[in-house]
Protein backbone atom coordinates (compact mmCIF):
# COMPACT_ATOMS: atom_id res chain seq x y z
CA MET A 1 61.33 -82.53 78.02
CA ARG A 2 59.06 -84.39 80.46
CA ALA A 3 56.55 -81.54 80.40
CA HIS A 4 56.49 -81.71 76.61
CA LEU A 5 55.94 -85.48 76.66
CA ALA A 6 53.19 -85.12 79.24
CA ARG A 7 51.47 -82.50 77.09
CA VAL A 8 51.73 -84.70 74.00
CA ASP A 9 50.44 -87.74 75.89
CA ALA A 10 47.45 -85.77 77.19
CA VAL A 11 46.59 -84.63 73.66
CA LEU A 12 46.86 -88.18 72.32
CA VAL A 13 44.67 -89.58 75.09
CA GLN A 14 42.07 -86.88 74.49
CA ALA A 15 42.12 -87.55 70.75
CA LEU A 16 41.72 -91.30 71.27
CA ILE A 17 38.76 -90.80 73.61
CA ALA A 18 37.05 -88.39 71.21
CA ALA A 19 37.65 -90.72 68.27
CA ALA A 20 36.27 -93.71 70.17
CA LEU A 21 33.11 -91.85 71.20
CA SER A 22 32.52 -90.52 67.70
CA PHE A 23 33.17 -93.98 66.29
CA ALA A 24 30.59 -95.50 68.63
CA HIS A 25 27.99 -92.82 67.86
CA LEU A 26 28.34 -93.34 64.12
CA HIS A 27 28.01 -97.08 64.60
CA ASP A 28 24.84 -96.64 66.66
CA VAL A 29 23.22 -94.36 64.08
CA ALA A 30 24.11 -96.68 61.19
CA SER A 31 22.81 -99.69 63.11
CA ALA A 32 19.55 -97.89 63.97
CA ALA A 33 19.14 -96.92 60.29
CA GLY A 34 19.09 -100.58 59.25
CA GLN A 35 22.79 -101.31 58.67
CA ALA A 36 23.49 -104.44 60.67
CA GLY A 37 26.65 -106.39 61.44
CA TRP A 38 29.93 -105.32 59.83
CA LYS A 39 28.13 -102.66 57.77
CA ALA A 40 27.40 -100.60 60.87
CA TRP A 41 31.11 -100.69 61.81
CA ALA A 42 32.18 -99.72 58.27
CA TYR A 43 30.33 -96.39 58.44
CA PRO A 44 32.50 -94.76 61.14
CA VAL A 45 35.61 -96.05 59.38
CA SER A 46 34.56 -94.35 56.13
CA VAL A 47 33.81 -91.07 57.92
CA ASP A 48 37.13 -91.05 59.74
CA LEU A 49 39.09 -91.93 56.59
CA LEU A 50 37.41 -89.10 54.69
CA LEU A 51 38.32 -86.71 57.51
CA VAL A 52 41.94 -87.83 57.41
CA ALA A 53 42.12 -87.56 53.59
CA ALA A 54 40.65 -84.05 53.67
CA TRP A 55 43.03 -83.00 56.45
CA ARG A 56 46.03 -84.29 54.51
CA ARG A 57 44.90 -82.28 51.47
CA LEU A 58 44.63 -79.14 53.61
CA ARG A 59 48.10 -79.74 55.04
CA SER A 60 49.61 -80.27 51.57
CA GLY A 61 48.47 -76.82 50.39
CA ASP A 62 46.95 -78.13 47.12
CA ALA A 63 43.27 -77.54 46.20
CA LYS A 64 42.32 -76.18 49.62
CA ALA A 65 38.75 -75.48 48.51
CA SER A 66 38.20 -79.18 47.75
CA GLY A 67 39.88 -80.16 51.01
CA TRP A 68 37.71 -77.85 53.09
CA CYS A 69 34.54 -79.01 51.29
CA TRP A 70 35.09 -82.70 52.02
CA PHE A 71 36.40 -81.98 55.52
CA MET A 72 33.16 -80.15 56.39
CA ILE A 73 31.04 -82.95 54.88
CA ALA A 74 32.81 -85.60 56.97
CA LEU A 75 32.73 -83.37 60.06
CA ALA A 76 28.99 -82.81 59.61
CA ALA A 77 28.44 -86.58 59.42
CA SER A 78 30.45 -87.11 62.60
CA LEU A 79 28.84 -84.24 64.52
CA GLY A 80 25.39 -85.24 63.30
CA ALA A 81 25.81 -88.73 64.72
CA ASN A 82 27.09 -87.34 68.03
CA VAL A 83 24.13 -84.99 68.37
CA ALA A 84 21.59 -87.58 67.21
CA THR A 85 22.65 -90.05 69.88
CA ALA A 86 22.46 -87.41 72.63
CA GLY A 87 18.72 -87.98 73.04
CA LEU A 88 17.46 -85.84 70.15
CA LEU A 89 16.76 -88.88 68.00
CA ASN A 90 14.70 -91.92 68.82
CA LEU A 91 16.98 -94.74 67.66
CA HIS A 92 14.04 -97.15 67.74
CA GLN A 93 12.04 -95.08 65.23
CA VAL A 94 14.55 -93.59 62.80
CA PRO A 95 12.97 -91.19 60.26
CA ALA A 96 13.06 -92.04 56.58
CA TRP A 97 15.32 -89.12 55.65
CA LEU A 98 18.03 -90.41 58.01
CA ARG A 99 17.78 -93.89 56.52
CA ILE A 100 18.27 -92.31 53.07
CA LEU A 101 21.29 -90.35 54.26
CA VAL A 102 22.89 -93.41 55.82
CA ALA A 103 22.21 -95.54 52.74
CA GLY A 104 23.69 -92.89 50.43
CA TRP A 105 26.77 -92.16 52.54
CA PRO A 106 29.04 -94.90 51.04
CA ALA A 107 28.73 -93.35 47.56
CA VAL A 108 29.48 -89.88 48.94
CA ALA A 109 32.50 -91.14 50.91
CA PHE A 110 33.81 -93.05 47.88
CA LEU A 111 33.49 -89.99 45.64
CA GLY A 112 35.20 -87.72 48.15
CA GLY A 113 38.01 -90.14 48.90
CA THR A 114 38.68 -90.74 45.20
CA LEU A 115 38.79 -87.03 44.36
CA LEU A 116 41.06 -86.26 47.32
CA ALA A 117 43.42 -89.14 46.58
CA HIS A 118 43.78 -88.78 42.81
CA THR A 119 43.55 -85.01 42.22
CA THR A 120 47.06 -84.04 43.28
CA HIS A 121 49.57 -81.34 42.47
CA GLU A 122 51.60 -83.81 40.38
CA THR A 123 48.57 -84.49 38.19
CA ALA A 124 48.12 -80.78 37.56
CA GLU A 125 51.79 -80.47 36.61
CA GLU A 126 51.50 -83.34 34.14
CA THR A 127 48.61 -81.63 32.33
CA THR A 128 50.47 -78.30 32.13
CA PRO A 129 52.27 -78.00 28.76
CA ALA A 130 56.00 -77.64 29.03
CA ALA A 131 57.49 -74.29 28.09
CA PRO A 132 59.27 -74.31 24.72
CA GLU A 133 63.03 -74.33 24.86
CA PRO A 134 64.64 -70.99 23.93
CA THR A 135 65.91 -70.84 20.38
CA ALA A 136 69.31 -69.49 19.50
CA THR A 137 69.48 -65.87 18.36
CA ALA A 138 71.22 -64.71 15.20
CA PRO A 139 74.54 -63.78 16.93
CA GLU A 140 74.61 -67.16 18.67
CA LEU A 141 74.08 -68.90 15.35
CA GLU A 142 76.95 -66.94 13.82
CA GLN A 143 79.28 -67.96 16.65
CA GLN A 144 78.63 -71.65 16.17
CA PRO A 145 81.36 -73.41 14.16
CA ALA A 146 80.41 -74.47 10.67
CA VAL A 147 79.95 -78.18 10.18
CA ALA A 148 82.51 -79.61 7.75
CA PRO A 149 80.99 -81.27 4.67
CA ARG A 150 80.99 -85.02 4.75
CA ALA A 151 83.69 -86.58 2.60
CA VAL A 152 82.42 -88.22 -0.59
CA PRO A 153 83.97 -91.63 -1.29
CA VAL A 154 85.57 -91.74 -4.73
CA PRO A 155 86.48 -95.03 -6.46
CA ALA A 156 90.15 -95.27 -7.48
CA ALA A 157 89.20 -96.19 -11.08
CA LEU A 158 87.15 -93.00 -11.40
CA VAL A 159 90.07 -90.91 -10.10
CA ALA A 160 92.41 -92.53 -12.64
CA HIS A 161 89.96 -91.81 -15.46
CA ALA A 162 89.53 -88.22 -14.27
CA ARG A 163 93.32 -87.78 -14.23
CA LYS A 164 93.49 -88.83 -17.90
CA VAL A 165 90.74 -86.35 -18.76
CA ALA A 166 92.58 -83.61 -16.85
CA ASP A 167 95.88 -84.42 -18.64
CA GLU A 168 94.21 -84.28 -22.03
CA HIS A 169 92.60 -80.93 -21.14
CA HIS A 170 95.96 -79.53 -19.99
CA ALA A 171 97.73 -80.76 -23.15
CA ARG A 172 95.08 -79.20 -25.36
CA THR A 173 94.51 -75.89 -23.57
CA GLY A 174 97.70 -75.43 -21.57
CA SER A 175 95.74 -74.83 -18.31
CA ALA A 176 94.52 -77.06 -15.50
CA ILE A 177 90.99 -78.32 -15.78
CA ASP A 178 88.44 -76.62 -13.48
CA THR A 179 85.78 -78.43 -11.45
CA SER A 180 82.82 -77.47 -13.61
CA THR A 181 84.56 -78.66 -16.79
CA LEU A 182 85.60 -81.89 -15.09
CA ARG A 183 82.04 -82.40 -13.94
CA ALA A 184 80.69 -81.83 -17.45
CA ARG A 185 83.25 -84.14 -19.06
CA LEU A 186 82.64 -86.98 -16.60
CA GLY A 187 78.88 -86.42 -16.18
CA ILE A 188 78.97 -86.66 -12.40
CA PRO A 189 77.35 -84.67 -9.57
CA ALA A 190 79.05 -81.52 -8.23
CA PRO A 191 80.07 -83.01 -4.81
CA LEU A 192 81.73 -85.95 -6.52
CA ALA A 193 83.49 -83.66 -9.02
CA GLU A 194 84.84 -81.53 -6.14
CA ALA A 195 86.10 -84.60 -4.33
CA ILE A 196 87.90 -85.81 -7.47
CA ALA A 197 89.38 -82.38 -8.18
CA ALA A 198 90.83 -82.31 -4.66
CA GLN A 199 92.70 -85.54 -5.42
CA LEU A 200 94.11 -84.49 -8.78
């Protein structure tokens, strides 16, 4: 357990030292390129944040091509500053192309950070159309119970009148009145005639 903690502590110390040196180199390059005060300190922060965002994208497994692209861009910015401050660049006479790169870096970092933060797997799932639900087959439809027809309300006065009509029909013909005849005699719709016939 102690050996594991010692190994972890050594890795953390090494990472902190490397981060501090890279941070200082980026600050020196930005300051030499004309970015004074807090601006020079903001440049290493933006590079490190872009590195972290790209690394998180690579670890998540989503859009690895985009993650690798922005990781290499941020790594190139960090390595470039480290190499430039190793004596290969005169910080008192910075070339124009480096000033242009430093001035344009905030826009690049903003674009990369925005794309890495807002292009996620959940966003891709939201744009994917949902699969249609399976429809019931013919045998399944046959097995479903039939829905009972809704009862039609019949006024009591109409039932009483229909009973008189039915009695007259029975007295005249000797047979019970059927639904179609009752419907024709009363001039009512078929559902209402069926509901009245059920009550006679």
